[in-house]
Amino acid sequence: MNTDPVLVEVVRGGFVESRHRGAVAVVNARGQVVLSVGDAARLVYPRSATKPVQALQLIESGAADALGLSPADLSLAQASHGGEPVHVQRVQAWLDRLGLGTENLICGAHWPTTEAAARALVRDGGAPSRAHNNCSGKHCGFLTTARHLGEPLAGYGDRDHPVQRRWRDALAELGDHPLDAAPEGIDGCGIPVIAMPLQALALAFARIADPSREAAARQAAMRRLTDAVWQAPHLIAGQGRLCSALAGRAPGRVLAKVGAEGVYAAALPALGLGVALKVEDGAVRAAETALVAVLARLGALDAADLEALAPWSRRGVTTWAGAEVGTIRPADALI
């Protein structure tokens, strides 16, 4: 039986209509648990929350410098982007520099997840390409690293390809948790996804927040990746997305990364902490509300920040005509 507490409630007319259960782990870079709500040791698939770790090899291998990648490119390499024109154009330009095309991406095509971009594509009579895939920047990073190191481009998403082994090794090191026998699956973009304890994911992000215990080259790579997101916050996600809103509002303080199925992780450099959470039913609305509540509880966000982040910090339930009739709020477990 699930014993995780309710993290988020949906209230309509003063009545709690829906409840979202889940777990939260907050850890410092020494592995000490600062906050634990629910089963912080539970195994989760981090999904796209691991993209900052997956991008480390792009810098550590020398591939980023060899291709002359900019901070905007490095932000895109960590992105779950909305498929807006700025995202798609930068992916296509990156592939052009590699002498490759979208056919080299294994991530598949899907419609932009940003509604305005999807409507514009339909209006213009277009169709989604693999560059519109929210993971296309990450895949450009994989191809760039493989090309730089003389590794085969074909099969770069296979479990035993060097680009996949490198990020799994880095994740195991940063999370201080062996992954050799961990449950594995295939992510939506076609690469392997591996399960780890929520607490270990939080530790990995704590070490991104405070990389002082890492080797000098890894410290530099981590700082370069986080700085890239704060310099180009729109590229990490996009219009109306919490990851971009937090990076734009709190540069140097918060780096947040969404994962599918109700996962969020965040690095908090000013506090030296890492955060990881999982909403049991996979609801994005609940994961976003929970993350903002946890950041506020930790002191990573102040009242002015919460006001600026109102679409996530005090979310309304509205009618189709726009009248507010309820709220999505953090439950007692997070307050």
Protein backbone atom coordinates (compact mmCIF):
# COMPACT_ATOMS: atom_id res chain seq x y z
CA MET A 1 0.00 0.00 0.00
CA ASN A 2 1.22 3.49 -0.85
CA THR A 3 2.05 5.34 2.35
CA ASP A 4 3.27 8.55 0.75
CA PRO A 5 1.42 11.62 2.03
CA VAL A 6 -0.75 13.98 0.03
CA LEU A 7 1.53 16.70 -1.38
CA VAL A 8 -1.00 18.72 -3.39
CA GLU A 9 -4.76 19.25 -3.17
CA VAL A 10 -7.20 20.52 -5.79
CA VAL A 11 -9.97 22.53 -4.15
CA ARG A 12 -13.23 23.57 -5.79
CA GLY A 13 -15.89 25.46 -3.85
CA GLY A 14 -14.08 24.84 -0.57
CA PHE A 15 -14.16 21.05 -1.14
CA VAL A 16 -11.03 18.99 -1.81
CA GLU A 17 -11.83 17.42 -5.16
CA SER A 18 -8.53 15.66 -5.91
CA ARG A 19 -5.38 14.72 -4.03
CA HIS A 20 -1.88 14.00 -5.34
CA ARG A 21 0.41 11.85 -3.22
CA GLY A 22 4.16 11.76 -3.51
CA ALA A 23 7.58 11.99 -1.91
CA VAL A 24 10.29 14.62 -1.55
CA ALA A 25 13.99 14.41 -0.70
CA VAL A 26 16.28 17.35 0.06
CA VAL A 27 19.96 16.51 0.55
CA ASN A 28 23.24 18.40 0.90
CA ALA A 29 26.42 17.56 -0.99
CA ARG A 30 27.70 15.44 1.91
CA GLY A 31 24.67 13.20 1.57
CA GLN A 32 22.92 14.45 4.70
CA VAL A 33 19.13 14.51 4.44
CA VAL A 34 17.78 17.98 5.20
CA LEU A 35 14.11 17.25 4.47
CA SER A 36 12.28 14.02 3.75
CA VAL A 37 8.58 13.74 3.00
CA GLY A 38 7.17 10.31 2.23
CA ASP A 39 9.42 7.49 1.05
CA ALA A 40 12.58 9.28 -0.05
CA ALA A 41 14.29 5.92 -0.64
CA ARG A 42 11.76 4.83 -3.25
CA LEU A 43 13.04 3.98 -6.73
CA VAL A 44 11.99 6.37 -9.47
CA TYR A 45 12.78 6.84 -13.12
CA PRO A 46 14.25 10.38 -13.16
CA ARG A 47 13.46 10.69 -16.87
CA SER A 48 14.49 14.10 -18.24
CA ALA A 49 15.56 15.38 -14.83
CA THR A 50 18.96 13.77 -15.51
CA LYS A 51 19.70 15.95 -18.57
CA PRO A 52 22.21 18.18 -16.72
CA VAL A 53 24.16 15.01 -15.88
CA GLN A 54 23.81 13.67 -19.42
CA ALA A 55 25.31 16.92 -20.75
CA LEU A 56 28.46 16.70 -18.61
CA GLN A 57 30.29 14.56 -21.16
CA LEU A 58 29.71 17.21 -23.82
CA ILE A 59 32.07 19.50 -21.90
CA GLU A 60 34.31 16.96 -20.19
CA SER A 61 35.18 15.32 -23.53
CA GLY A 62 36.20 18.61 -25.10
CA ALA A 63 33.43 18.31 -27.69
CA ALA A 64 31.67 21.55 -26.71
CA ASP A 65 34.82 23.61 -27.16
CA ALA A 66 35.81 21.82 -30.37
CA LEU A 67 32.47 22.74 -31.95
CA GLY A 68 32.42 26.20 -30.36
CA LEU A 69 29.15 25.69 -28.51
CA SER A 70 27.67 28.78 -26.87
CA PRO A 71 25.90 29.04 -23.50
CA ALA A 72 22.61 28.99 -25.44
CA ASP A 73 23.61 25.68 -27.05
CA LEU A 74 24.56 24.24 -23.66
CA SER A 75 21.23 25.31 -22.18
CA LEU A 76 19.48 23.60 -25.09
CA ALA A 77 21.54 20.43 -24.50
CA GLN A 78 19.86 20.15 -21.07
CA ALA A 79 16.40 21.12 -22.28
CA SER A 80 12.96 19.64 -22.36
CA HIS A 81 11.95 22.39 -24.74
CA GLY A 82 8.57 23.39 -26.08
CA GLY A 83 9.38 23.18 -29.78
CA GLU A 84 9.19 26.92 -30.30
CA PRO A 85 10.88 28.35 -33.42
CA VAL A 86 13.90 29.50 -31.39
CA HIS A 87 14.42 25.92 -30.15
CA VAL A 88 13.92 24.26 -33.51
CA GLN A 89 16.11 26.73 -35.41
CA ARG A 90 18.96 26.30 -32.96
CA VAL A 91 18.74 22.50 -33.17
CA GLN A 92 18.79 22.65 -36.96
CA ALA A 93 21.76 25.06 -36.91
CA TRP A 94 23.61 22.73 -34.52
CA LEU A 95 23.03 19.75 -36.82
CA ASP A 96 24.21 21.81 -39.79
CA ARG A 97 27.50 22.50 -38.00
CA LEU A 98 27.91 18.75 -37.51
CA GLY A 99 27.11 18.07 -41.16
CA LEU A 100 24.10 16.04 -40.05
CA GLY A 101 20.33 16.26 -40.44
CA THR A 102 17.26 15.56 -38.36
CA GLU A 103 17.28 12.01 -39.73
CA ASN A 104 20.33 11.38 -37.52
CA LEU A 105 18.27 12.06 -34.40
CA ILE A 106 16.65 8.93 -32.95
CA CYS A 107 14.25 10.86 -30.72
CA GLY A 108 11.29 10.80 -33.11
CA ALA A 109 8.97 13.68 -33.94
CA HIS A 110 6.12 15.15 -31.93
CA TRP A 111 4.09 18.33 -32.03
CA PRO A 112 5.46 21.30 -30.08
CA THR A 113 4.36 21.13 -26.48
CA THR A 114 4.04 24.93 -26.43
CA GLU A 115 0.49 25.51 -27.65
CA ALA A 116 1.28 28.72 -29.54
CA ALA A 117 4.10 27.01 -31.43
CA ALA A 118 1.89 24.03 -32.30
CA ARG A 119 -0.90 26.31 -33.55
CA ALA A 120 1.54 28.30 -35.66
CA LEU A 121 2.93 25.13 -37.21
CA VAL A 122 -0.59 23.97 -38.13
CA ARG A 123 -1.52 27.41 -39.45
CA ASP A 124 1.54 27.42 -41.70
CA GLY A 125 0.73 23.96 -43.03
CA GLY A 126 3.80 22.43 -41.44
CA ALA A 127 4.39 19.15 -39.71
CA PRO A 128 6.56 18.36 -36.71
CA SER A 129 10.10 17.13 -37.30
CA ARG A 130 12.52 15.46 -34.96
CA ALA A 131 13.91 18.91 -34.18
CA HIS A 132 10.56 19.69 -32.51
CA ASN A 133 11.06 16.83 -30.07
CA ASN A 134 11.60 18.26 -26.60
CA CYS A 135 14.77 16.14 -26.24
CA SER A 136 16.38 17.12 -29.55
CA GLY A 137 18.99 19.36 -27.91
CA LYS A 138 20.15 16.52 -25.69
CA HIS A 139 20.45 14.26 -28.73
CA CYS A 140 22.53 16.89 -30.51
CA GLY A 141 24.82 16.76 -27.50
CA PHE A 142 25.12 12.99 -27.72
CA LEU A 143 25.94 13.16 -31.43
CA THR A 144 28.48 15.92 -30.87
CA THR A 145 30.30 13.95 -28.18
CA ALA A 146 30.32 10.76 -30.24
CA ARG A 147 31.59 12.58 -33.34
CA HIS A 148 34.35 14.33 -31.35
CA LEU A 149 35.57 11.07 -29.78
CA GLY A 150 35.44 9.11 -33.03
CA GLU A 151 32.61 6.87 -31.84
CA PRO A 152 29.88 5.52 -34.15
CA LEU A 153 26.91 7.80 -34.62
CA ALA A 154 24.64 4.94 -35.55
CA GLY A 155 23.26 3.31 -32.44
CA TYR A 156 24.20 6.21 -30.17
CA GLY A 157 21.06 5.58 -28.12
CA ASP A 158 21.84 1.92 -27.44
CA ARG A 159 22.45 0.96 -23.83
CA ASP A 160 26.06 -0.06 -24.42
CA HIS A 161 27.06 2.86 -26.63
CA PRO A 162 29.80 4.92 -24.93
CA VAL A 163 27.67 8.08 -24.75
CA GLN A 164 25.04 6.18 -22.76
CA ARG A 165 27.56 4.46 -20.51
CA ARG A 166 29.26 7.76 -19.66
CA TRP A 167 26.20 9.51 -18.32
CA ARG A 168 25.09 6.43 -16.35
CA ASP A 169 28.53 6.28 -14.74
CA ALA A 170 28.39 9.99 -13.91
CA LEU A 171 24.90 9.65 -12.42
CA ALA A 172 25.99 6.72 -10.25
CA GLU A 173 29.00 8.69 -9.02
CA LEU A 174 27.07 11.87 -8.26
CA GLY A 175 24.20 10.03 -6.61
CA ASP A 176 26.58 7.73 -4.74
CA HIS A 177 24.41 4.80 -5.79
CA PRO A 178 25.43 1.87 -8.03
CA LEU A 179 23.18 1.47 -11.04
CA ASP A 180 24.47 -1.80 -12.51
CA ALA A 181 21.53 -3.84 -11.24
CA ALA A 182 18.91 -1.06 -11.30
CA PRO A 183 15.62 -1.48 -13.20
CA GLU A 184 15.85 -0.06 -16.71
CA GLY A 185 13.44 0.98 -19.41
CA ILE A 186 13.37 3.10 -22.55
CA ASP A 187 12.54 6.79 -22.35
CA GLY A 188 10.14 8.48 -24.75
CA CYS A 189 13.05 9.77 -26.84
CA GLY A 190 14.46 6.27 -27.30
CA ILE A 191 17.42 6.22 -24.91
CA PRO A 192 17.72 4.09 -21.77
CA VAL A 193 16.19 5.30 -18.52
CA ILE A 194 17.38 3.87 -15.23
CA ALA A 195 15.74 3.80 -11.80
CA MET A 196 17.39 5.21 -8.69
CA PRO A 197 16.31 6.22 -5.18
CA LEU A 198 14.73 9.65 -4.99
CA GLN A 199 17.29 10.52 -2.32
CA ALA A 200 20.17 9.62 -4.67
CA LEU A 201 18.73 11.88 -7.37
CA ALA A 202 18.59 14.70 -4.80
CA LEU A 203 22.23 14.02 -3.90
CA ALA A 204 23.28 14.26 -7.55
CA PHE A 205 21.65 17.68 -7.75
CA ALA A 206 23.19 18.73 -4.44
CA ARG A 207 26.58 18.04 -5.99
CA ILE A 208 25.61 20.13 -9.00
CA ALA A 209 24.67 22.89 -6.53
CA ASP A 210 27.92 22.46 -4.59
CA PRO A 211 30.54 20.75 -6.78
CA SER A 212 33.44 21.63 -4.47
CA ARG A 213 34.15 17.96 -3.72
CA GLU A 214 34.39 17.01 -7.39
CA ALA A 215 37.51 16.90 -9.53
CA ALA A 216 38.48 20.27 -11.00
CA ALA A 217 37.38 19.37 -14.54
CA ARG A 218 33.96 18.23 -13.35
CA GLN A 219 33.53 21.30 -11.16
CA ALA A 220 34.20 23.49 -14.17
CA ALA A 221 31.80 21.50 -16.36
CA MET A 222 29.02 21.69 -13.79
CA ARG A 223 29.40 25.41 -13.30
CA ARG A 224 29.50 26.00 -17.04
CA LEU A 225 26.27 24.06 -17.53
CA THR A 226 24.40 25.79 -14.73
CA ASP A 227 25.63 29.22 -15.85
CA ALA A 228 24.46 28.40 -19.38
CA VAL A 229 20.90 27.84 -18.20
CA TRP A 230 20.88 31.12 -16.28
CA GLN A 231 22.27 32.95 -19.31
CA ALA A 232 19.72 31.39 -21.68
CA PRO A 233 16.73 30.44 -19.51
CA HIS A 234 14.23 30.34 -22.35
CA LEU A 235 16.11 27.52 -24.06
CA ILE A 236 15.90 25.09 -21.11
CA ALA A 237 12.11 24.87 -21.51
CA GLY A 238 10.27 27.83 -23.00
CA GLN A 239 7.16 29.97 -22.81
CA GLY A 240 5.01 29.37 -19.74
CA ARG A 241 7.32 26.69 -18.36
CA LEU A 242 8.45 26.54 -14.74
CA CYS A 243 12.08 25.54 -15.44
CA SER A 244 12.56 28.66 -17.58
CA ALA A 245 10.64 30.87 -15.15
CA LEU A 246 12.80 29.79 -12.21
CA ALA A 247 16.05 30.14 -14.15
CA GLY A 248 15.05 33.63 -15.26
CA ARG A 249 13.80 34.71 -11.86
CA ALA A 250 16.46 33.16 -9.65
CA PRO A 251 19.76 32.91 -11.57
CA GLY A 252 22.51 31.63 -9.32
CA ARG A 253 19.93 30.40 -6.83
CA VAL A 254 17.77 27.78 -8.56
CA LEU A 255 18.35 25.37 -11.42
CA ALA A 256 15.24 23.22 -11.83
CA LYS A 257 14.76 20.35 -14.25
CA VAL A 258 11.49 18.62 -14.95
CA GLY A 259 11.20 14.90 -15.65
CA ALA A 260 8.19 13.12 -17.09
CA GLU A 261 5.60 11.41 -14.90
CA GLY A 262 5.60 13.88 -12.03
CA VAL A 263 9.35 14.17 -11.41
CA TYR A 264 11.21 17.37 -10.60
CA ALA A 265 14.77 17.97 -9.43
CA ALA A 266 16.54 21.18 -8.51
CA ALA A 267 20.00 22.40 -7.55
CA LEU A 268 20.16 25.29 -5.07
CA PRO A 269 23.72 26.68 -5.13
CA ALA A 270 23.13 29.41 -2.55
CA LEU A 271 21.99 26.77 -0.05
CA GLY A 272 24.19 23.91 -1.22
CA LEU A 273 21.16 21.64 -1.53
CA GLY A 274 19.60 19.29 -4.04
CA VAL A 275 15.87 18.60 -4.29
CA ALA A 276 14.07 15.68 -5.90
CA LEU A 277 10.38 14.89 -5.85
CA LYS A 278 8.00 12.42 -7.43
CA VAL A 279 4.23 12.75 -7.63
CA GLU A 280 2.78 9.26 -7.56
CA ASP A 281 0.15 9.73 -10.26
CA GLY A 282 2.54 11.55 -12.61
CA ALA A 283 0.58 14.82 -12.66
CA VAL A 284 2.68 17.76 -13.87
CA ARG A 285 0.39 20.30 -12.19
CA ALA A 286 1.05 18.68 -8.83
CA ALA A 287 4.81 18.36 -9.36
CA GLU A 288 5.09 22.05 -10.25
CA THR A 289 3.02 23.15 -7.25
CA ALA A 290 5.01 20.85 -4.95
CA LEU A 291 8.37 22.09 -6.21
CA VAL A 292 7.52 25.76 -5.68
CA ALA A 293 6.23 24.95 -2.18
CA VAL A 294 9.43 23.08 -1.28
CA LEU A 295 11.63 25.89 -2.62
CA ALA A 296 9.67 28.41 -0.58
CA ARG A 297 9.90 26.23 2.54
CA LEU A 298 13.68 26.00 2.14
CA GLY A 299 14.03 29.75 1.73
CA ALA A 300 15.23 29.50 -1.87
CA LEU A 301 12.34 31.76 -2.95
CA ASP A 302 11.05 34.87 -1.20
CA ALA A 303 7.68 36.61 -1.29
CA ALA A 304 8.63 38.67 -4.35
CA ASP A 305 9.71 35.51 -6.17
CA LEU A 306 6.44 33.79 -5.34
CA GLU A 307 4.51 36.80 -6.62
CA ALA A 308 6.47 36.68 -9.88
CA LEU A 309 5.85 32.93 -10.08
CA ALA A 310 2.13 33.27 -9.41
CA PRO A 311 1.08 30.88 -12.23
CA TRP A 312 2.72 28.09 -10.22
CA SER A 313 2.80 29.41 -6.65
CA ARG A 314 -0.94 30.06 -6.37
CA ARG A 315 -2.59 28.26 -9.22
CA GLY A 316 -6.27 28.82 -9.80
CA VAL A 317 -8.91 26.40 -11.00
CA THR A 318 -10.99 28.23 -13.59
CA THR A 319 -14.07 27.80 -15.71
CA TRP A 320 -13.73 27.83 -19.49
CA ALA A 321 -14.91 31.44 -19.32
CA GLY A 322 -11.96 32.30 -17.07
CA ALA A 323 -13.70 32.66 -13.71
CA GLU A 324 -11.62 31.36 -10.80
CA VAL A 325 -13.57 28.73 -8.89
CA GLY A 326 -10.89 26.92 -6.93
CA THR A 327 -7.19 26.45 -6.33
CA ILE A 328 -4.37 23.92 -6.61
CA ARG A 329 -2.47 24.17 -3.35
CA PRO A 330 0.31 22.43 -1.41
CA ALA A 331 -1.04 20.13 1.28
CA ASP A 332 -0.05 20.21 4.95
CA ALA A 333 2.88 17.82 4.33
CA LEU A 334 4.69 20.57 2.39
CA ILE A 335 3.80 23.63 4.44
